[in-house]
Amino acid sequence: MWLYPGKAAWHFVNLSAKQSSQIRKLFGAEAAAWGSLPVTVRIGETEWKTSIFPDSKSTSYLFAIKAEVRKKEHIRAGDTITAIVQIR
């Protein structure tokens, strides 16, 4: 997980290049604004609905992790996490 360098302090996670390639092939035609796809994410015991977006600086998709989830799961920028991401 990494912290976006700006005032808002958004925390993001990038999916792997391999996962992103598979998602692009299977669901790319369904993408909405800015290439986003609706997903359900689970980290630990916490699950929520959000979207993944293509990262313009890499070949991967990324998603934001809101403060509520970070607090519940005791994670912070720099941590390596495991997330289950399901396209909706």
PDB file of N, CA and C in Angstrom:
ATOM      1  N   MET A   1       0.853  -1.163   0.000  1.00  0.00           N
ATOM      2  CA  MET A   1       0.000   0.000   0.000  1.00  0.00           C
ATOM      3  C   MET A   1       0.898   1.224   0.000  1.00  0.00           C
ATOM      4  N   TRP A   2       0.491   2.211  -0.790  1.00  0.00           N
ATOM      5  CA  TRP A   2       1.303   3.421  -0.877  1.00  0.00           C
ATOM      6  C   TRP A   2       0.432   4.658  -0.722  1.00  0.00           C
ATOM      7  N   LEU A   3       1.063   5.736  -0.308  1.00  0.00           N
ATOM      8  CA  LEU A   3       0.388   6.998  -0.042  1.00  0.00           C
ATOM      9  C   LEU A   3       0.594   7.950  -1.205  1.00  0.00           C
ATOM     10  N   TYR A   4      -0.494   8.452  -1.760  1.00  0.00           N
ATOM     11  CA  TYR A   4      -0.413   9.437  -2.838  1.00  0.00           C
ATOM     12  C   TYR A   4       0.192  10.729  -2.284  1.00  0.00           C
ATOM     13  N   PRO A   5       1.190  11.292  -2.966  1.00  0.00           N
ATOM     14  CA  PRO A   5       1.845  12.494  -2.447  1.00  0.00           C
ATOM     15  C   PRO A   5       1.019  13.757  -2.695  1.00  0.00           C
ATOM     16  N   GLY A   6       0.064  14.009  -1.845  1.00  0.00           N
ATOM     17  CA  GLY A   6      -0.780  15.188  -1.978  1.00  0.00           C
ATOM     18  C   GLY A   6      -1.497  15.461  -0.667  1.00  0.00           C
ATOM     19  N   LYS A   7      -2.282  16.519  -0.629  1.00  0.00           N
ATOM     20  CA  LYS A   7      -2.982  16.911   0.596  1.00  0.00           C
ATOM     21  C   LYS A   7      -4.007  15.887   1.073  1.00  0.00           C
ATOM     22  N   ALA A   8      -4.661  15.218   0.149  1.00  0.00           N
ATOM     23  CA  ALA A   8      -5.771  14.337   0.513  1.00  0.00           C
ATOM     24  C   ALA A   8      -5.339  13.068   1.240  1.00  0.00           C
ATOM     25  N   ALA A   9      -4.081  12.682   1.129  1.00  0.00           N
ATOM     26  CA  ALA A   9      -3.549  11.491   1.809  1.00  0.00           C
ATOM     27  C   ALA A   9      -4.268  10.208   1.406  1.00  0.00           C
ATOM     28  N   TRP A  10      -4.556  10.055   0.111  1.00  0.00           N
ATOM     29  CA  TRP A  10      -5.172   8.831  -0.389  1.00  0.00           C
ATOM     30  C   TRP A  10      -4.176   7.687  -0.337  1.00  0.00           C
ATOM     31  N   HIS A  11      -4.626   6.523   0.099  1.00  0.00           N
ATOM     32  CA  HIS A  11      -3.813   5.316   0.142  1.00  0.00           C
ATOM     33  C   HIS A  11      -4.282   4.378  -0.963  1.00  0.00           C
ATOM     34  N   PHE A  12      -3.332   3.852  -1.733  1.00  0.00           N
ATOM     35  CA  PHE A  12      -3.662   2.995  -2.876  1.00  0.00           C
ATOM     36  C   PHE A  12      -2.909   1.675  -2.820  1.00  0.00           C
ATOM     37  N   VAL A  13      -3.476   0.695  -3.534  1.00  0.00           N
ATOM     38  CA  VAL A  13      -2.841  -0.600  -3.753  1.00  0.00           C
ATOM     39  C   VAL A  13      -2.911  -0.884  -5.243  1.00  0.00           C
ATOM     40  N   ASN A  14      -1.807  -1.325  -5.816  1.00  0.00           N
ATOM     41  CA  ASN A  14      -1.777  -1.733  -7.220  1.00  0.00           C
ATOM     42  C   ASN A  14      -1.926  -3.243  -7.309  1.00  0.00           C
ATOM     43  N   LEU A  15      -2.733  -3.692  -8.263  1.00  0.00           N
ATOM     44  CA  LEU A  15      -2.799  -5.114  -8.567  1.00  0.00           C
ATOM     45  C   LEU A  15      -1.565  -5.466  -9.389  1.00  0.00           C
ATOM     46  N   SER A  16      -1.238  -6.733  -9.453  1.00  0.00           N
ATOM     47  CA  SER A  16      -0.069  -7.152 -10.226  1.00  0.00           C
ATOM     48  C   SER A  16      -0.306  -6.925 -11.715  1.00  0.00           C
ATOM     49  N   ALA A  17       0.771  -6.850 -12.475  1.00  0.00           N
ATOM     50  CA  ALA A  17       0.669  -6.678 -13.930  1.00  0.00           C
ATOM     51  C   ALA A  17      -0.084  -7.852 -14.551  1.00  0.00           C
ATOM     52  N   LYS A  18       0.161  -9.064 -14.056  1.00  0.00           N
ATOM     53  CA  LYS A  18      -0.505 -10.250 -14.581  1.00  0.00           C
ATOM     54  C   LYS A  18      -2.014 -10.192 -14.304  1.00  0.00           C
ATOM     55  N   GLN A  19      -2.390  -9.867 -13.075  1.00  0.00           N
ATOM     56  CA  GLN A  19      -3.810  -9.755 -12.739  1.00  0.00           C
ATOM     57  C   GLN A  19      -4.470  -8.663 -13.584  1.00  0.00           C
ATOM     58  N   SER A  20      -3.798  -7.541 -13.716  1.00  0.00           N
ATOM     59  CA  SER A  20      -4.339  -6.413 -14.470  1.00  0.00           C
ATOM     60  C   SER A  20      -4.541  -6.764 -15.936  1.00  0.00           C
ATOM     61  N   SER A  21      -3.603  -7.499 -16.502  1.00  0.00           N
ATOM     62  CA  SER A  21      -3.724  -7.929 -17.892  1.00  0.00           C
ATOM     63  C   SER A  21      -4.942  -8.829 -18.079  1.00  0.00           C
ATOM     64  N   GLN A  22      -5.136  -9.759 -17.151  1.00  0.00           N
ATOM     65  CA  GLN A  22      -6.281 -10.663 -17.227  1.00  0.00           C
ATOM     66  C   GLN A  22      -7.595  -9.891 -17.104  1.00  0.00           C
ATOM     67  N   ILE A  23      -7.647  -8.940 -16.181  1.00  0.00           N
ATOM     68  CA  ILE A  23      -8.850  -8.128 -15.994  1.00  0.00           C
ATOM     69  C   ILE A  23      -9.135  -7.332 -17.260  1.00  0.00           C
ATOM     70  N   ARG A  24      -8.110  -6.731 -17.828  1.00  0.00           N
ATOM     71  CA  ARG A  24      -8.264  -5.930 -19.046  1.00  0.00           C
ATOM     72  C   ARG A  24      -8.842  -6.780 -20.182  1.00  0.00           C
ATOM     73  N   LYS A  25      -8.323  -8.006 -20.338  1.00  0.00           N
ATOM     74  CA  LYS A  25      -8.801  -8.906 -21.397  1.00  0.00           C
ATOM     75  C   LYS A  25     -10.250  -9.326 -21.169  1.00  0.00           C
ATOM     76  N   LEU A  26     -10.596  -9.655 -19.932  1.00  0.00           N
ATOM     77  CA  LEU A  26     -11.924 -10.181 -19.633  1.00  0.00           C
ATOM     78  C   LEU A  26     -12.992  -9.100 -19.471  1.00  0.00           C
ATOM     79  N   PHE A  27     -12.621  -7.933 -18.931  1.00  0.00           N
ATOM     80  CA  PHE A  27     -13.620  -6.933 -18.565  1.00  0.00           C
ATOM     81  C   PHE A  27     -13.379  -5.552 -19.166  1.00  0.00           C
ATOM     82  N   GLY A  28     -12.326  -5.383 -19.936  1.00  0.00           N
ATOM     83  CA  GLY A  28     -11.975  -4.071 -20.484  1.00  0.00           C
ATOM     84  C   GLY A  28     -13.093  -3.408 -21.256  1.00  0.00           C
ATOM     85  N   ALA A  29     -13.868  -4.173 -21.983  1.00  0.00           N
ATOM     86  CA  ALA A  29     -14.965  -3.621 -22.773  1.00  0.00           C
ATOM     87  C   ALA A  29     -16.095  -3.082 -21.896  1.00  0.00           C
ATOM     88  N   GLU A  30     -16.127  -3.496 -20.630  1.00  0.00           N
ATOM     89  CA  GLU A  30     -17.175  -3.065 -19.703  1.00  0.00           C
ATOM     90  C   GLU A  30     -16.765  -1.846 -18.891  1.00  0.00           C
ATOM     91  N   ALA A  31     -15.567  -1.350 -19.078  1.00  0.00           N
ATOM     92  CA  ALA A  31     -15.054  -0.249 -18.272  1.00  0.00           C
ATOM     93  C   ALA A  31     -15.897   1.007 -18.424  1.00  0.00           C
ATOM     94  N   ALA A  32     -16.040   1.734 -17.336  1.00  0.00           N
ATOM     95  CA  ALA A  32     -16.806   2.981 -17.312  1.00  0.00           C
ATOM     96  C   ALA A  32     -15.835   4.165 -17.419  1.00  0.00           C
ATOM     97  N   ALA A  33     -16.230   5.279 -16.873  1.00  0.00           N
ATOM     98  CA  ALA A  33     -15.416   6.502 -16.923  1.00  0.00           C
ATOM     99  C   ALA A  33     -14.006   6.246 -16.393  1.00  0.00           C
ATOM    100  N   TRP A  34     -13.029   6.815 -17.086  1.00  0.00           N
ATOM    101  CA  TRP A  34     -11.610   6.692 -16.740  1.00  0.00           C
ATOM    102  C   TRP A  34     -11.135   5.241 -16.703  1.00  0.00           C
ATOM    103  N   GLY A  35     -11.855   4.340 -17.339  1.00  0.00           N
ATOM    104  CA  GLY A  35     -11.464   2.937 -17.388  1.00  0.00           C
ATOM    105  C   GLY A  35     -11.797   2.164 -16.133  1.00  0.00           C
ATOM    106  N   SER A  36     -12.643   2.720 -15.279  1.00  0.00           N
ATOM    107  CA  SER A  36     -12.945   2.091 -13.994  1.00  0.00           C
ATOM    108  C   SER A  36     -13.840   0.864 -14.146  1.00  0.00           C
ATOM    109  N   LEU A  37     -13.685  -0.037 -13.190  1.00  0.00           N
ATOM    110  CA  LEU A  37     -14.523  -1.230 -13.101  1.00  0.00           C
ATOM    111  C   LEU A  37     -14.996  -1.370 -11.655  1.00  0.00           C
ATOM    112  N   PRO A  38     -16.287  -1.666 -11.437  1.00  0.00           N
ATOM    113  CA  PRO A  38     -16.784  -1.844 -10.075  1.00  0.00           C
ATOM    114  C   PRO A  38     -16.288  -3.170  -9.494  1.00  0.00           C
ATOM    115  N   VAL A  39     -15.871  -3.129  -8.234  1.00  0.00           N
ATOM    116  CA  VAL A  39     -15.350  -4.320  -7.567  1.00  0.00           C
ATOM    117  C   VAL A  39     -15.835  -4.386  -6.118  1.00  0.00           C
ATOM    118  N   THR A  40     -15.726  -5.569  -5.559  1.00  0.00           N
ATOM    119  CA  THR A  40     -15.842  -5.768  -4.124  1.00  0.00           C
ATOM    120  C   THR A  40     -14.457  -6.195  -3.656  1.00  0.00           C
ATOM    121  N   VAL A  41     -13.971  -5.567  -2.595  1.00  0.00           N
ATOM    122  CA  VAL A  41     -12.637  -5.866  -2.075  1.00  0.00           C
ATOM    123  C   VAL A  41     -12.769  -6.374  -0.650  1.00  0.00           C
ATOM    124  N   ARG A  42     -11.969  -7.383  -0.312  1.00  0.00           N
ATOM    125  CA  ARG A  42     -11.888  -7.874   1.070  1.00  0.00           C
ATOM    126  C   ARG A  42     -10.433  -7.857   1.492  1.00  0.00           C
ATOM    127  N   ILE A  43     -10.200  -7.214   2.628  1.00  0.00           N
ATOM    128  CA  ILE A  43      -8.897  -7.250   3.293  1.00  0.00           C
ATOM    129  C   ILE A  43      -9.169  -7.701   4.714  1.00  0.00           C
ATOM    130  N   GLY A  44      -8.612  -8.839   5.070  1.00  0.00           N
ATOM    131  CA  GLY A  44      -8.885  -9.387   6.405  1.00  0.00           C
ATOM    132  C   GLY A  44     -10.367  -9.664   6.564  1.00  0.00           C
ATOM    133  N   GLU A  45     -10.970  -9.070   7.591  1.00  0.00           N
ATOM    134  CA  GLU A  45     -12.397  -9.256   7.865  1.00  0.00           C
ATOM    135  C   GLU A  45     -13.253  -8.141   7.278  1.00  0.00           C
ATOM    136  N   THR A  46     -12.638  -7.205   6.587  1.00  0.00           N
ATOM    137  CA  THR A  46     -13.354  -6.032   6.084  1.00  0.00           C
ATOM    138  C   THR A  46     -13.605  -6.143   4.584  1.00  0.00           C
ATOM    139  N   GLU A  47     -14.859  -5.942   4.194  1.00  0.00           N
ATOM    140  CA  GLU A  47     -15.237  -6.010   2.786  1.00  0.00           C
ATOM    141  C   GLU A  47     -16.018  -4.746   2.436  1.00  0.00           C
ATOM    142  N   TRP A  48     -15.756  -4.210   1.234  1.00  0.00           N
ATOM    143  CA  TRP A  48     -16.471  -3.020   0.783  1.00  0.00           C
ATOM    144  C   TRP A  48     -16.522  -2.978  -0.734  1.00  0.00           C
ATOM    145  N   LYS A  49     -17.439  -2.144  -1.242  1.00  0.00           N
ATOM    146  CA  LYS A  49     -17.581  -1.950  -2.679  1.00  0.00           C
ATOM    147  C   LYS A  49     -16.833  -0.680  -3.076  1.00  0.00           C
ATOM    148  N   THR A  50     -16.105  -0.761  -4.182  1.00  0.00           N
ATOM    149  CA  THR A  50     -15.339   0.364  -4.695  1.00  0.00           C
ATOM    150  C   THR A  50     -15.123   0.141  -6.192  1.00  0.00           C
ATOM    151  N   SER A  51     -14.135   0.801  -6.743  1.00  0.00           N
ATOM    152  CA  SER A  51     -13.784   0.609  -8.151  1.00  0.00           C
ATOM    153  C   SER A  51     -12.280   0.498  -8.288  1.00  0.00           C
ATOM    154  N   ILE A  52     -11.845  -0.203  -9.327  1.00  0.00           N
ATOM    155  CA  ILE A  52     -10.434  -0.210  -9.688  1.00  0.00           C
ATOM    156  C   ILE A  52     -10.279   0.687 -10.908  1.00  0.00           C
ATOM    157  N   PHE A  53      -9.105   1.297 -11.029  1.00  0.00           N
ATOM    158  CA  PHE A  53      -8.807   2.209 -12.130  1.00  0.00           C
ATOM    159  C   PHE A  53      -7.470   1.837 -12.734  1.00  0.00           C
ATOM    160  N   PRO A  54      -7.314   2.006 -14.043  1.00  0.00           N
ATOM    161  CA  PRO A  54      -5.993   1.768 -14.632  1.00  0.00           C
ATOM    162  C   PRO A  54      -5.040   2.873 -14.160  1.00  0.00           C
ATOM    163  N   ASP A  55      -3.863   2.486 -13.732  1.00  0.00           N
ATOM    164  CA  ASP A  55      -2.833   3.426 -13.278  1.00  0.00           C
ATOM    165  C   ASP A  55      -2.083   3.931 -14.503  1.00  0.00           C
ATOM    166  N   SER A  56      -2.095   5.236 -14.713  1.00  0.00           N
ATOM    167  CA  SER A  56      -1.463   5.805 -15.908  1.00  0.00           C
ATOM    168  C   SER A  56       0.065   5.696 -15.873  1.00  0.00           C
ATOM    169  N   LYS A  57       0.638   5.398 -14.710  1.00  0.00           N
ATOM    170  CA  LYS A  57       2.099   5.306 -14.599  1.00  0.00           C
ATOM    171  C   LYS A  57       2.615   3.873 -14.641  1.00  0.00           C
ATOM    172  N   SER A  58       1.705   2.921 -14.729  1.00  0.00           N
ATOM    173  CA  SER A  58       2.117   1.516 -14.802  1.00  0.00           C
ATOM    174  C   SER A  58       1.115   0.771 -15.674  1.00  0.00           C
ATOM    175  N   THR A  59       1.273  -0.507 -15.792  1.00  0.00           N
ATOM    176  CA  THR A  59       0.330  -1.310 -16.574  1.00  0.00           C
ATOM    177  C   THR A  59      -0.701  -1.985 -15.688  1.00  0.00           C
ATOM    178  N   SER A  60      -0.833  -1.528 -14.460  1.00  0.00           N
ATOM    179  CA  SER A  60      -1.713  -2.208 -13.517  1.00  0.00           C
ATOM    180  C   SER A  60      -2.933  -1.375 -13.153  1.00  0.00           C
ATOM    181  N   TYR A  61      -3.918  -2.044 -12.579  1.00  0.00           N
ATOM    182  CA  TYR A  61      -5.070  -1.386 -11.979  1.00  0.00           C
ATOM    183  C   TYR A  61      -4.730  -1.072 -10.530  1.00  0.00           C
ATOM    184  N   LEU A  62      -5.431  -0.101  -9.973  1.00  0.00           N
ATOM    185  CA  LEU A  62      -5.255   0.222  -8.557  1.00  0.00           C
ATOM    186  C   LEU A  62      -6.596   0.554  -7.934  1.00  0.00           C
ATOM    187  N   PHE A  63      -6.625   0.519  -6.600  1.00  0.00           N
ATOM    188  CA  PHE A  63      -7.819   0.933  -5.865  1.00  0.00           C
ATOM    189  C   PHE A  63      -7.386   1.636  -4.590  1.00  0.00           C
ATOM    190  N   ALA A  64      -8.270   2.492  -4.095  1.00  0.00           N
ATOM    191  CA  ALA A  64      -8.008   3.232  -2.861  1.00  0.00           C
ATOM    192  C   ALA A  64      -8.488   2.420  -1.662  1.00  0.00           C
ATOM    193  N   ILE A  65      -7.800   2.605  -0.550  1.00  0.00           N
ATOM    194  CA  ILE A  65      -8.226   1.985   0.711  1.00  0.00           C
ATOM    195  C   ILE A  65      -8.585   3.112   1.670  1.00  0.00           C
ATOM    196  N   LYS A  66      -9.849   3.179   2.025  1.00  0.00           N
ATOM    197  CA  LYS A  66     -10.314   4.270   2.869  1.00  0.00           C
ATOM    198  C   LYS A  66      -9.831   4.111   4.310  1.00  0.00           C
ATOM    199  N   ALA A  67      -9.829   5.222   5.040  1.00  0.00           N
ATOM    200  CA  ALA A  67      -9.301   5.270   6.403  1.00  0.00           C
ATOM    201  C   ALA A  67      -9.971   4.255   7.316  1.00  0.00           C
ATOM    202  N   GLU A  68     -11.274   4.091   7.184  1.00  0.00           N
ATOM    203  CA  GLU A  68     -12.015   3.147   8.022  1.00  0.00           C
ATOM    204  C   GLU A  68     -11.440   1.733   7.905  1.00  0.00           C
ATOM    205  N   VAL A  69     -11.133   1.308   6.681  1.00  0.00           N
ATOM    206  CA  VAL A  69     -10.571  -0.028   6.448  1.00  0.00           C
ATOM    207  C   VAL A  69      -9.159  -0.103   7.015  1.00  0.00           C
ATOM    208  N   ARG A  70      -8.354   0.917   6.765  1.00  0.00           N
ATOM    209  CA  ARG A  70      -6.976   0.920   7.278  1.00  0.00           C
ATOM    210  C   ARG A  70      -6.952   0.801   8.795  1.00  0.00           C
ATOM    211  N   LYS A  71      -7.852   1.499   9.458  1.00  0.00           N
ATOM    212  CA  LYS A  71      -7.923   1.446  10.926  1.00  0.00           C
ATOM    213  C   LYS A  71      -8.369   0.072  11.409  1.00  0.00           C
ATOM    214  N   LYS A  72      -9.445  -0.456  10.811  1.00  0.00           N
ATOM    215  CA  LYS A  72      -9.961  -1.773  11.221  1.00  0.00           C
ATOM    216  C   LYS A  72      -8.929  -2.876  11.044  1.00  0.00           C
ATOM    217  N   GLU A  73      -8.158  -2.805   9.950  1.00  0.00           N
ATOM    218  CA  GLU A  73      -7.219  -3.870   9.615  1.00  0.00           C
ATOM    219  C   GLU A  73      -5.776  -3.560  10.037  1.00  0.00           C
ATOM    220  N   HIS A  74      -5.584  -2.422  10.693  1.00  0.00           N
ATOM    221  CA  HIS A  74      -4.265  -2.045  11.223  1.00  0.00           C
ATOM    222  C   HIS A  74      -3.187  -2.059  10.136  1.00  0.00           C
ATOM    223  N   ILE A  75      -3.469  -1.369   9.028  1.00  0.00           N
ATOM    224  CA  ILE A  75      -2.503  -1.302   7.936  1.00  0.00           C
ATOM    225  C   ILE A  75      -2.160   0.155   7.642  1.00  0.00           C
ATOM    226  N   ARG A  76      -0.972   0.370   7.115  1.00  0.00           N
ATOM    227  CA  ARG A  76      -0.545   1.730   6.780  1.00  0.00           C
ATOM    228  C   ARG A  76       0.355   1.700   5.548  1.00  0.00           C
ATOM    229  N   ALA A  77       0.643   2.871   5.020  1.00  0.00           N
ATOM    230  CA  ALA A  77       1.484   2.998   3.831  1.00  0.00           C
ATOM    231  C   ALA A  77       2.787   2.235   4.036  1.00  0.00           C
ATOM    232  N   GLY A  78       3.189   1.506   3.006  1.00  0.00           N
ATOM    233  CA  GLY A  78       4.402   0.700   3.068  1.00  0.00           C
ATOM    234  C   GLY A  78       4.144  -0.759   3.398  1.00  0.00           C
ATOM    235  N   ASP A  79       2.968  -1.066   3.934  1.00  0.00           N
ATOM    236  CA  ASP A  79       2.631  -2.453   4.261  1.00  0.00           C
ATOM    237  C   ASP A  79       2.332  -3.242   2.987  1.00  0.00           C
ATOM    238  N   THR A  80       2.701  -4.514   3.018  1.00  0.00           N
ATOM    239  CA  THR A  80       2.303  -5.451   1.968  1.00  0.00           C
ATOM    240  C   THR A  80       1.044  -6.132   2.470  1.00  0.00           C
ATOM    241  N   ILE A  81       0.009  -6.146   1.649  1.00  0.00           N
ATOM    242  CA  ILE A  81      -1.271  -6.707   2.076  1.00  0.00           C
ATOM    243  C   ILE A  81      -1.748  -7.763   1.088  1.00  0.00           C
ATOM    244  N   THR A  82      -2.714  -8.554   1.549  1.00  0.00           N
ATOM    245  CA  THR A  82      -3.410  -9.490   0.673  1.00  0.00           C
ATOM    246  C   THR A  82      -4.841  -9.011   0.585  1.00  0.00           C
ATOM    247  N   ALA A  83      -5.327  -8.856  -0.645  1.00  0.00           N
ATOM    248  CA  ALA A  83      -6.694  -8.400  -0.868  1.00  0.00           C
ATOM    249  C   ALA A  83      -7.373  -9.330  -1.863  1.00  0.00           C
ATOM    250  N   ILE A  84      -8.630  -9.621  -1.616  1.00  0.00           N
ATOM    251  CA  ILE A  84      -9.441 -10.372  -2.565  1.00  0.00           C
ATOM    252  C   ILE A  84     -10.264  -9.330  -3.319  1.00  0.00           C
ATOM    253  N   VAL A  85     -10.107  -9.313  -4.635  1.00  0.00           N
ATOM    254  CA  VAL A  85     -10.784  -8.329  -5.476  1.00  0.00           C
ATOM    255  C   VAL A  85     -11.691  -9.085  -6.440  1.00  0.00           C
ATOM    256  N   GLN A  86     -12.989  -8.780  -6.382  1.00  0.00           N
ATOM    257  CA  GLN A  86     -13.968  -9.447  -7.232  1.00  0.00           C
ATOM    258  C   GLN A  86     -14.643  -8.388  -8.107  1.00  0.00           C
ATOM    259  N   ILE A  87     -14.585  -8.582  -9.419  1.00  0.00           N
ATOM    260  CA  ILE A  87     -15.271  -7.687 -10.341  1.00  0.00           C
ATOM    261  C   ILE A  87     -16.766  -7.888 -10.177  1.00  0.00           C
ATOM    262  N   ARG A  88     -17.528  -6.783 -10.098  1.00  0.00           N
ATOM    263  CA  ARG A  88     -18.994  -6.889  -9.948  1.00  0.00           C
ATOM    264  C   ARG A  88     -19.685  -6.733 -11.287  1.00  0.00           C
TER     265      ARG A  88
END
